[in-house]
Amino acid sequence: MKRIAVGVQLLLACAVALADSWMFPAERSDKVYEFGRTKVVLTTDARHNQVHPRFTLRIFDDGELVAEHADVAFQHLAALDRQQLFIGVSNDGLPGTAMIVFDRAGHLLLKLDHAFKRFDYCRQSVTRIREWVDPNDPAFARDGATGQISFVDCRGRRVLLDDFLRRTVGTGLDALRRPP
Protein backbone atom coordinates (compact mmCIF):
# COMPACT_ATOMS: atom_id res chain seq x y z
CA MET A 1 0.00 0.00 0.00
CA LYS A 2 2.86 2.33 0.84
CA ARG A 3 4.42 1.66 -2.57
CA ILE A 4 1.17 2.57 -4.31
CA ALA A 5 0.91 5.83 -2.36
CA VAL A 6 4.51 6.73 -3.21
CA GLY A 7 3.88 5.86 -6.88
CA VAL A 8 0.78 8.06 -7.03
CA GLN A 9 2.68 10.94 -5.41
CA LEU A 10 5.49 10.53 -7.92
CA LEU A 11 3.04 10.55 -10.84
CA LEU A 12 1.32 13.67 -9.51
CA ALA A 13 4.67 15.40 -9.05
CA CYS A 14 5.61 14.61 -12.66
CA ALA A 15 2.26 15.90 -13.94
CA VAL A 16 2.71 19.17 -12.05
CA ALA A 17 6.23 19.52 -13.42
CA LEU A 18 4.94 19.20 -16.99
CA ALA A 19 2.07 21.67 -16.51
CA ASP A 20 2.36 25.22 -17.80
CA SER A 21 2.28 28.19 -15.50
CA TRP A 22 2.04 31.80 -16.65
CA MET A 23 0.76 35.21 -15.72
CA PHE A 24 0.52 38.19 -18.04
CA PRO A 25 1.14 41.69 -16.62
CA ALA A 26 -2.17 43.30 -15.62
CA GLU A 27 -2.09 45.73 -18.52
CA ARG A 28 -3.16 46.30 -22.08
CA SER A 29 -0.36 46.19 -24.64
CA ASP A 30 -0.27 46.67 -28.40
CA LYS A 31 2.11 45.24 -30.97
CA VAL A 32 2.02 47.40 -34.07
CA TYR A 33 3.09 46.21 -37.51
CA GLU A 34 3.20 48.67 -40.40
CA PHE A 35 3.32 47.66 -44.05
CA GLY A 36 2.93 50.68 -46.31
CA ARG A 37 -0.59 52.00 -45.86
CA THR A 38 -1.65 48.95 -43.84
CA LYS A 39 -1.27 48.95 -40.07
CA VAL A 40 -1.92 45.79 -38.07
CA VAL A 41 -2.39 46.11 -34.31
CA LEU A 42 -2.41 43.05 -32.06
CA THR A 43 -3.74 43.89 -28.58
CA THR A 44 -3.28 41.76 -25.48
CA ASP A 45 -5.54 42.94 -22.67
CA ALA A 46 -4.81 41.27 -19.34
CA ARG A 47 -6.27 43.96 -17.10
CA HIS A 48 -9.20 41.73 -16.09
CA ASN A 49 -7.70 38.26 -16.47
CA GLN A 50 -3.94 37.76 -16.28
CA VAL A 51 -4.06 34.05 -17.11
CA HIS A 52 -6.39 34.20 -20.11
CA PRO A 53 -6.23 37.75 -21.49
CA ARG A 54 -8.27 39.09 -24.38
CA PHE A 55 -6.53 39.09 -27.75
CA THR A 56 -7.77 41.41 -30.48
CA LEU A 57 -6.50 41.97 -34.02
CA ARG A 58 -7.30 45.31 -35.67
CA ILE A 59 -6.47 46.10 -39.28
CA PHE A 60 -6.23 49.66 -40.58
CA ASP A 61 -6.03 50.71 -44.23
CA ASP A 62 -4.74 54.23 -44.73
CA GLY A 63 -5.60 55.10 -41.12
CA GLU A 64 -9.17 53.75 -41.27
CA LEU A 65 -10.19 50.71 -39.19
CA VAL A 66 -11.34 48.10 -41.72
CA ALA A 67 -11.60 45.00 -39.50
CA GLU A 68 -11.42 43.75 -35.94
CA HIS A 69 -11.09 40.08 -34.99
CA ALA A 70 -11.29 38.71 -31.44
CA ASP A 71 -9.41 35.73 -29.99
CA VAL A 72 -6.60 35.89 -32.53
CA ALA A 73 -2.87 36.20 -31.92
CA PHE A 74 0.41 35.51 -33.67
CA GLN A 75 4.12 35.77 -32.95
CA HIS A 76 5.25 36.36 -36.54
CA LEU A 77 3.50 38.31 -39.27
CA ALA A 78 4.49 38.36 -42.94
CA ALA A 79 3.18 40.60 -45.72
CA LEU A 80 3.15 39.15 -49.23
CA ASP A 81 1.85 40.11 -52.66
CA ARG A 82 2.76 43.79 -52.41
CA GLN A 83 1.30 43.94 -48.92
CA GLN A 84 -2.09 42.62 -50.02
CA LEU A 85 -1.88 39.27 -48.17
CA PHE A 86 -0.85 38.74 -44.54
CA ILE A 87 0.07 35.52 -42.79
CA GLY A 88 0.48 35.31 -39.03
CA VAL A 89 1.75 32.22 -37.22
CA SER A 90 2.12 31.28 -33.58
CA ASN A 91 3.92 28.65 -31.54
CA ASP A 92 1.85 29.67 -28.50
CA GLY A 93 -1.26 27.83 -27.33
CA LEU A 94 -2.88 31.09 -26.22
CA PRO A 95 -5.40 31.97 -27.50
CA GLY A 96 -4.99 28.94 -29.75
CA THR A 97 -4.28 30.51 -33.14
CA ALA A 98 -1.69 28.54 -35.11
CA MET A 99 -2.10 30.43 -38.40
CA ILE A 100 -4.18 33.32 -39.63
CA VAL A 101 -4.39 34.58 -43.20
CA PHE A 102 -6.10 37.86 -44.03
CA ASP A 103 -6.04 40.49 -46.73
CA ARG A 104 -5.46 44.25 -46.58
CA ALA A 105 -9.22 44.86 -46.40
CA GLY A 106 -9.31 42.79 -43.21
CA HIS A 107 -11.11 39.78 -44.67
CA LEU A 108 -10.22 36.70 -42.67
CA LEU A 109 -9.30 34.05 -45.26
CA LEU A 110 -8.16 31.38 -42.80
CA LYS A 111 -7.95 30.90 -39.06
CA LEU A 112 -6.32 27.65 -38.13
CA ASP A 113 -6.20 26.75 -34.44
CA HIS A 114 -3.80 24.38 -32.74
CA ALA A 115 -6.81 22.30 -31.67
CA PHE A 116 -8.07 21.98 -35.27
CA LYS A 117 -5.53 19.43 -36.45
CA ARG A 118 -2.50 17.76 -34.99
CA PHE A 119 0.57 19.68 -36.13
CA ASP A 120 4.06 18.26 -36.48
CA TYR A 121 5.34 19.88 -33.27
CA CYS A 122 9.01 19.99 -32.32
CA ARG A 123 8.12 20.98 -28.75
CA GLN A 124 4.79 20.87 -26.96
CA SER A 125 3.63 21.47 -23.42
CA VAL A 126 0.26 20.94 -21.80
CA THR A 127 -1.07 24.39 -22.72
CA ARG A 128 1.31 27.02 -24.06
CA ILE A 129 4.16 25.58 -26.10
CA ARG A 130 3.08 24.51 -29.60
CA GLU A 131 6.26 24.87 -31.64
CA TRP A 132 5.62 24.02 -35.30
CA VAL A 133 7.27 26.91 -37.20
CA ASP A 134 10.75 28.31 -36.80
CA PRO A 135 10.54 30.22 -33.51
CA ASN A 136 12.94 32.95 -34.67
CA ASP A 137 11.75 33.56 -38.22
CA PRO A 138 9.46 31.34 -40.28
CA ALA A 139 10.73 33.27 -43.33
CA PHE A 140 7.57 33.35 -45.42
CA ALA A 141 8.43 33.88 -49.07
CA ARG A 142 6.82 33.62 -52.48
CA ASP A 143 8.90 31.91 -55.15
CA GLY A 144 9.08 34.22 -58.18
CA ALA A 145 9.18 31.35 -60.68
CA THR A 146 6.44 29.07 -59.29
CA GLY A 147 4.37 31.55 -57.29
CA GLN A 148 4.35 29.13 -54.35
CA ILE A 149 4.39 30.54 -50.80
CA SER A 150 6.63 28.70 -48.39
CA PHE A 151 7.80 28.94 -44.79
CA VAL A 152 10.39 27.34 -42.52
CA ASP A 153 9.08 24.80 -40.01
CA CYS A 154 10.52 24.11 -36.57
CA ARG A 155 12.90 21.49 -38.01
CA GLY A 156 14.44 23.99 -40.43
CA ARG A 157 12.68 22.55 -43.49
CA ARG A 158 11.12 24.80 -46.11
CA VAL A 159 7.44 23.83 -46.45
CA LEU A 160 5.07 24.84 -49.25
CA LEU A 161 2.05 26.58 -47.75
CA ASP A 162 -0.40 24.99 -50.21
CA ASP A 163 0.89 21.49 -49.35
CA PHE A 164 0.57 22.26 -45.64
CA LEU A 165 -2.99 23.60 -46.07
CA ARG A 166 -4.07 20.63 -48.20
CA ARG A 167 -2.86 18.29 -45.42
CA THR A 168 -4.57 20.25 -42.64
CA VAL A 169 -7.74 21.80 -44.12
CA GLY A 170 -8.10 19.91 -47.39
CA THR A 171 -7.68 22.87 -49.75
CA GLY A 172 -4.97 25.24 -50.94
CA LEU A 173 -4.70 28.97 -50.37
CA ASP A 174 -6.04 29.89 -53.84
CA ALA A 175 -9.37 28.18 -53.08
CA LEU A 176 -9.62 30.14 -49.84
CA ARG A 177 -9.08 33.44 -51.67
CA ARG A 178 -11.85 32.88 -54.23
CA PRO A 179 -15.22 34.40 -53.33
CA PRO A 180 -17.97 31.80 -52.63
C-alpha atoms as a PDB file:
ATOM      1  CA  MET A   1       0.000   0.000   0.000  1.00  0.00           C
ATOM      2  CA  LYS A   2       2.862   2.334   0.839  1.00  0.00           C
ATOM      3  CA  ARG A   3       4.424   1.659  -2.570  1.00  0.00           C
ATOM      4  CA  ILE A   4       1.170   2.565  -4.305  1.00  0.00           C
ATOM      5  CA  ALA A   5       0.915   5.832  -2.360  1.00  0.00           C
ATOM      6  CA  VAL A   6       4.512   6.731  -3.213  1.00  0.00           C
ATOM      7  CA  GLY A   7       3.878   5.855  -6.879  1.00  0.00           C
ATOM      8  CA  VAL A   8       0.785   8.057  -7.025  1.00  0.00           C
ATOM      9  CA  GLN A   9       2.678  10.940  -5.406  1.00  0.00           C
ATOM     10  CA  LEU A  10       5.491  10.528  -7.916  1.00  0.00           C
ATOM     11  CA  LEU A  11       3.038  10.547 -10.839  1.00  0.00           C
ATOM     12  CA  LEU A  12       1.323  13.673  -9.507  1.00  0.00           C
ATOM     13  CA  ALA A  13       4.673  15.403  -9.045  1.00  0.00           C
ATOM     14  CA  CYS A  14       5.611  14.608 -12.655  1.00  0.00           C
ATOM     15  CA  ALA A  15       2.263  15.895 -13.937  1.00  0.00           C
ATOM     16  CA  VAL A  16       2.708  19.166 -12.047  1.00  0.00           C
ATOM     17  CA  ALA A  17       6.232  19.520 -13.423  1.00  0.00           C
ATOM     18  CA  LEU A  18       4.943  19.199 -16.993  1.00  0.00           C
ATOM     19  CA  ALA A  19       2.073  21.665 -16.509  1.00  0.00           C
ATOM     20  CA  ASP A  20       2.359  25.218 -17.798  1.00  0.00           C
ATOM     21  CA  SER A  21       2.276  28.194 -15.499  1.00  0.00           C
ATOM     22  CA  TRP A  22       2.041  31.796 -16.646  1.00  0.00           C
ATOM     23  CA  MET A  23       0.763  35.212 -15.719  1.00  0.00           C
ATOM     24  CA  PHE A  24       0.523  38.195 -18.039  1.00  0.00           C
ATOM     25  CA  PRO A  25       1.145  41.686 -16.619  1.00  0.00           C
ATOM     26  CA  ALA A  26      -2.167  43.302 -15.620  1.00  0.00           C
ATOM     27  CA  GLU A  27      -2.086  45.731 -18.523  1.00  0.00           C
ATOM     28  CA  ARG A  28      -3.162  46.304 -22.079  1.00  0.00           C
ATOM     29  CA  SER A  29      -0.360  46.189 -24.637  1.00  0.00           C
ATOM     30  CA  ASP A  30      -0.273  46.672 -28.395  1.00  0.00           C
ATOM     31  CA  LYS A  31       2.111  45.245 -30.973  1.00  0.00           C
ATOM     32  CA  VAL A  32       2.018  47.401 -34.067  1.00  0.00           C
ATOM     33  CA  TYR A  33       3.095  46.210 -37.514  1.00  0.00           C
ATOM     34  CA  GLU A  34       3.201  48.669 -40.400  1.00  0.00           C
ATOM     35  CA  PHE A  35       3.317  47.662 -44.047  1.00  0.00           C
ATOM     36  CA  GLY A  36       2.927  50.685 -46.307  1.00  0.00           C
ATOM     37  CA  ARG A  37      -0.594  52.003 -45.861  1.00  0.00           C
ATOM     38  CA  THR A  38      -1.651  48.947 -43.839  1.00  0.00           C
ATOM     39  CA  LYS A  39      -1.269  48.946 -40.069  1.00  0.00           C
ATOM     40  CA  VAL A  40      -1.921  45.792 -38.075  1.00  0.00           C
ATOM     41  CA  VAL A  41      -2.394  46.111 -34.314  1.00  0.00           C
ATOM     42  CA  LEU A  42      -2.412  43.053 -32.058  1.00  0.00           C
ATOM     43  CA  THR A  43      -3.741  43.886 -28.584  1.00  0.00           C
ATOM     44  CA  THR A  44      -3.285  41.765 -25.481  1.00  0.00           C
ATOM     45  CA  ASP A  45      -5.539  42.942 -22.668  1.00  0.00           C
ATOM     46  CA  ALA A  46      -4.810  41.265 -19.338  1.00  0.00           C
ATOM     47  CA  ARG A  47      -6.271  43.964 -17.103  1.00  0.00           C
ATOM     48  CA  HIS A  48      -9.199  41.730 -16.093  1.00  0.00           C
ATOM     49  CA  ASN A  49      -7.696  38.261 -16.472  1.00  0.00           C
ATOM     50  CA  GLN A  50      -3.940  37.758 -16.284  1.00  0.00           C
ATOM     51  CA  VAL A  51      -4.057  34.051 -17.113  1.00  0.00           C
ATOM     52  CA  HIS A  52      -6.387  34.204 -20.111  1.00  0.00           C
ATOM     53  CA  PRO A  53      -6.233  37.745 -21.492  1.00  0.00           C
ATOM     54  CA  ARG A  54      -8.268  39.092 -24.384  1.00  0.00           C
ATOM     55  CA  PHE A  55      -6.533  39.088 -27.747  1.00  0.00           C
ATOM     56  CA  THR A  56      -7.774  41.405 -30.483  1.00  0.00           C
ATOM     57  CA  LEU A  57      -6.496  41.969 -34.016  1.00  0.00           C
ATOM     58  CA  ARG A  58      -7.298  45.305 -35.671  1.00  0.00           C
ATOM     59  CA  ILE A  59      -6.466  46.099 -39.284  1.00  0.00           C
ATOM     60  CA  PHE A  60      -6.225  49.660 -40.581  1.00  0.00           C
ATOM     61  CA  ASP A  61      -6.031  50.707 -44.228  1.00  0.00           C
ATOM     62  CA  ASP A  62      -4.740  54.226 -44.735  1.00  0.00           C
ATOM     63  CA  GLY A  63      -5.599  55.097 -41.124  1.00  0.00           C
ATOM     64  CA  GLU A  64      -9.166  53.747 -41.269  1.00  0.00           C
ATOM     65  CA  LEU A  65     -10.185  50.711 -39.190  1.00  0.00           C
ATOM     66  CA  VAL A  66     -11.337  48.098 -41.717  1.00  0.00           C
ATOM     67  CA  ALA A  67     -11.595  45.002 -39.500  1.00  0.00           C
ATOM     68  CA  GLU A  68     -11.418  43.748 -35.942  1.00  0.00           C
ATOM     69  CA  HIS A  69     -11.093  40.081 -34.990  1.00  0.00           C
ATOM     70  CA  ALA A  70     -11.289  38.710 -31.438  1.00  0.00           C
ATOM     71  CA  ASP A  71      -9.407  35.734 -29.986  1.00  0.00           C
ATOM     72  CA  VAL A  72      -6.604  35.893 -32.530  1.00  0.00           C
ATOM     73  CA  ALA A  73      -2.872  36.202 -31.919  1.00  0.00           C
ATOM     74  CA  PHE A  74       0.407  35.506 -33.668  1.00  0.00           C
ATOM     75  CA  GLN A  75       4.116  35.766 -32.950  1.00  0.00           C
ATOM     76  CA  HIS A  76       5.252  36.361 -36.536  1.00  0.00           C
ATOM     77  CA  LEU A  77       3.504  38.306 -39.274  1.00  0.00           C
ATOM     78  CA  ALA A  78       4.491  38.355 -42.944  1.00  0.00           C
ATOM     79  CA  ALA A  79       3.180  40.598 -45.717  1.00  0.00           C
ATOM     80  CA  LEU A  80       3.153  39.151 -49.232  1.00  0.00           C
ATOM     81  CA  ASP A  81       1.854  40.111 -52.663  1.00  0.00           C
ATOM     82  CA  ARG A  82       2.757  43.785 -52.412  1.00  0.00           C
ATOM     83  CA  GLN A  83       1.297  43.944 -48.922  1.00  0.00           C
ATOM     84  CA  GLN A  84      -2.086  42.620 -50.018  1.00  0.00           C
ATOM     85  CA  LEU A  85      -1.880  39.270 -48.171  1.00  0.00           C
ATOM     86  CA  PHE A  86      -0.853  38.745 -44.543  1.00  0.00           C
ATOM     87  CA  ILE A  87       0.066  35.523 -42.789  1.00  0.00           C
ATOM     88  CA  GLY A  88       0.476  35.315 -39.026  1.00  0.00           C
ATOM     89  CA  VAL A  89       1.747  32.219 -37.217  1.00  0.00           C
ATOM     90  CA  SER A  90       2.124  31.281 -33.581  1.00  0.00           C
ATOM     91  CA  ASN A  91       3.917  28.651 -31.540  1.00  0.00           C
ATOM     92  CA  ASP A  92       1.847  29.667 -28.496  1.00  0.00           C
ATOM     93  CA  GLY A  93      -1.259  27.831 -27.327  1.00  0.00           C
ATOM     94  CA  LEU A  94      -2.884  31.087 -26.218  1.00  0.00           C
ATOM     95  CA  PRO A  95      -5.400  31.966 -27.498  1.00  0.00           C
ATOM     96  CA  GLY A  96      -4.989  28.941 -29.749  1.00  0.00           C
ATOM     97  CA  THR A  97      -4.276  30.511 -33.142  1.00  0.00           C
ATOM     98  CA  ALA A  98      -1.694  28.542 -35.115  1.00  0.00           C
ATOM     99  CA  MET A  99      -2.096  30.426 -38.399  1.00  0.00           C
ATOM    100  CA  ILE A 100      -4.185  33.317 -39.629  1.00  0.00           C
ATOM    101  CA  VAL A 101      -4.394  34.577 -43.197  1.00  0.00           C
ATOM    102  CA  PHE A 102      -6.097  37.859 -44.035  1.00  0.00           C
ATOM    103  CA  ASP A 103      -6.037  40.493 -46.733  1.00  0.00           C
ATOM    104  CA  ARG A 104      -5.456  44.252 -46.576  1.00  0.00           C
ATOM    105  CA  ALA A 105      -9.216  44.860 -46.399  1.00  0.00           C
ATOM    106  CA  GLY A 106      -9.307  42.793 -43.207  1.00  0.00           C
ATOM    107  CA  HIS A 107     -11.107  39.785 -44.673  1.00  0.00           C
ATOM    108  CA  LEU A 108     -10.224  36.697 -42.675  1.00  0.00           C
ATOM    109  CA  LEU A 109      -9.303  34.051 -45.258  1.00  0.00           C
ATOM    110  CA  LEU A 110      -8.161  31.383 -42.803  1.00  0.00           C
ATOM    111  CA  LYS A 111      -7.950  30.905 -39.055  1.00  0.00           C
ATOM    112  CA  LEU A 112      -6.318  27.647 -38.133  1.00  0.00           C
ATOM    113  CA  ASP A 113      -6.201  26.752 -34.440  1.00  0.00           C
ATOM    114  CA  HIS A 114      -3.805  24.381 -32.742  1.00  0.00           C
ATOM    115  CA  ALA A 115      -6.811  22.297 -31.669  1.00  0.00           C
ATOM    116  CA  PHE A 116      -8.066  21.980 -35.269  1.00  0.00           C
ATOM    117  CA  LYS A 117      -5.528  19.434 -36.450  1.00  0.00           C
ATOM    118  CA  ARG A 118      -2.498  17.758 -34.986  1.00  0.00           C
ATOM    119  CA  PHE A 119       0.568  19.675 -36.133  1.00  0.00           C
ATOM    120  CA  ASP A 120       4.060  18.261 -36.478  1.00  0.00           C
ATOM    121  CA  TYR A 121       5.336  19.885 -33.274  1.00  0.00           C
ATOM    122  CA  CYS A 122       9.015  19.989 -32.322  1.00  0.00           C
ATOM    123  CA  ARG A 123       8.119  20.978 -28.746  1.00  0.00           C
ATOM    124  CA  GLN A 124       4.788  20.868 -26.957  1.00  0.00           C
ATOM    125  CA  SER A 125       3.627  21.467 -23.420  1.00  0.00           C
ATOM    126  CA  VAL A 126       0.255  20.943 -21.799  1.00  0.00           C
ATOM    127  CA  THR A 127      -1.072  24.390 -22.722  1.00  0.00           C
ATOM    128  CA  ARG A 128       1.312  27.021 -24.063  1.00  0.00           C
ATOM    129  CA  ILE A 129       4.162  25.575 -26.104  1.00  0.00           C
ATOM    130  CA  ARG A 130       3.083  24.509 -29.598  1.00  0.00           C
ATOM    131  CA  GLU A 131       6.260  24.867 -31.642  1.00  0.00           C
ATOM    132  CA  TRP A 132       5.615  24.023 -35.302  1.00  0.00           C
ATOM    133  CA  VAL A 133       7.267  26.907 -37.203  1.00  0.00           C
ATOM    134  CA  ASP A 134      10.754  28.311 -36.803  1.00  0.00           C
ATOM    135  CA  PRO A 135      10.537  30.221 -33.512  1.00  0.00           C
ATOM    136  CA  ASN A 136      12.939  32.947 -34.665  1.00  0.00           C
ATOM    137  CA  ASP A 137      11.753  33.564 -38.215  1.00  0.00           C
ATOM    138  CA  PRO A 138       9.464  31.336 -40.279  1.00  0.00           C
ATOM    139  CA  ALA A 139      10.731  33.273 -43.325  1.00  0.00           C
ATOM    140  CA  PHE A 140       7.574  33.345 -45.424  1.00  0.00           C
ATOM    141  CA  ALA A 141       8.429  33.879 -49.069  1.00  0.00           C
ATOM    142  CA  ARG A 142       6.819  33.618 -52.480  1.00  0.00           C
ATOM    143  CA  ASP A 143       8.896  31.913 -55.149  1.00  0.00           C
ATOM    144  CA  GLY A 144       9.076  34.219 -58.176  1.00  0.00           C
ATOM    145  CA  ALA A 145       9.183  31.348 -60.679  1.00  0.00           C
ATOM    146  CA  THR A 146       6.444  29.069 -59.291  1.00  0.00           C
ATOM    147  CA  GLY A 147       4.368  31.553 -57.286  1.00  0.00           C
ATOM    148  CA  GLN A 148       4.353  29.125 -54.353  1.00  0.00           C
ATOM    149  CA  ILE A 149       4.386  30.545 -50.801  1.00  0.00           C
ATOM    150  CA  SER A 150       6.635  28.700 -48.395  1.00  0.00           C
ATOM    151  CA  PHE A 151       7.797  28.943 -44.791  1.00  0.00           C
ATOM    152  CA  VAL A 152      10.386  27.338 -42.523  1.00  0.00           C
ATOM    153  CA  ASP A 153       9.076  24.801 -40.013  1.00  0.00           C
ATOM    154  CA  CYS A 154      10.522  24.113 -36.566  1.00  0.00           C
ATOM    155  CA  ARG A 155      12.900  21.492 -38.005  1.00  0.00           C
ATOM    156  CA  GLY A 156      14.439  23.985 -40.429  1.00  0.00           C
ATOM    157  CA  ARG A 157      12.678  22.555 -43.492  1.00  0.00           C
ATOM    158  CA  ARG A 158      11.121  24.805 -46.109  1.00  0.00           C
ATOM    159  CA  VAL A 159       7.437  23.835 -46.448  1.00  0.00           C
ATOM    160  CA  LEU A 160       5.069  24.840 -49.250  1.00  0.00           C
ATOM    161  CA  LEU A 161       2.045  26.584 -47.752  1.00  0.00           C
ATOM    162  CA  ASP A 162      -0.396  24.985 -50.206  1.00  0.00           C
ATOM    163  CA  ASP A 163       0.894  21.490 -49.349  1.00  0.00           C
ATOM    164  CA  PHE A 164       0.570  22.261 -45.641  1.00  0.00           C
ATOM    165  CA  LEU A 165      -2.993  23.599 -46.067  1.00  0.00           C
ATOM    166  CA  ARG A 166      -4.072  20.632 -48.196  1.00  0.00           C
ATOM    167  CA  ARG A 167      -2.862  18.294 -45.422  1.00  0.00           C
ATOM    168  CA  THR A 168      -4.570  20.247 -42.640  1.00  0.00           C
ATOM    169  CA  VAL A 169      -7.740  21.799 -44.119  1.00  0.00           C
ATOM    170  CA  GLY A 170      -8.101  19.905 -47.386  1.00  0.00           C
ATOM    171  CA  THR A 171      -7.678  22.870 -49.752  1.00  0.00           C
ATOM    172  CA  GLY A 172      -4.973  25.237 -50.935  1.00  0.00           C
ATOM    173  CA  LEU A 173      -4.699  28.971 -50.370  1.00  0.00           C
ATOM    174  CA  ASP A 174      -6.036  29.889 -53.841  1.00  0.00           C
ATOM    175  CA  ALA A 175      -9.365  28.179 -53.083  1.00  0.00           C
ATOM    176  CA  LEU A 176      -9.618  30.141 -49.838  1.00  0.00           C
ATOM    177  CA  ARG A 177      -9.080  33.441 -51.672  1.00  0.00           C
ATOM    178  CA  ARG A 178     -11.853  32.879 -54.227  1.00  0.00           C
ATOM    179  CA  PRO A 179     -15.223  34.405 -53.333  1.00  0.00           C
ATOM    180  CA  PRO A 180     -17.969  31.800 -52.629  1.00  0.00           C
END
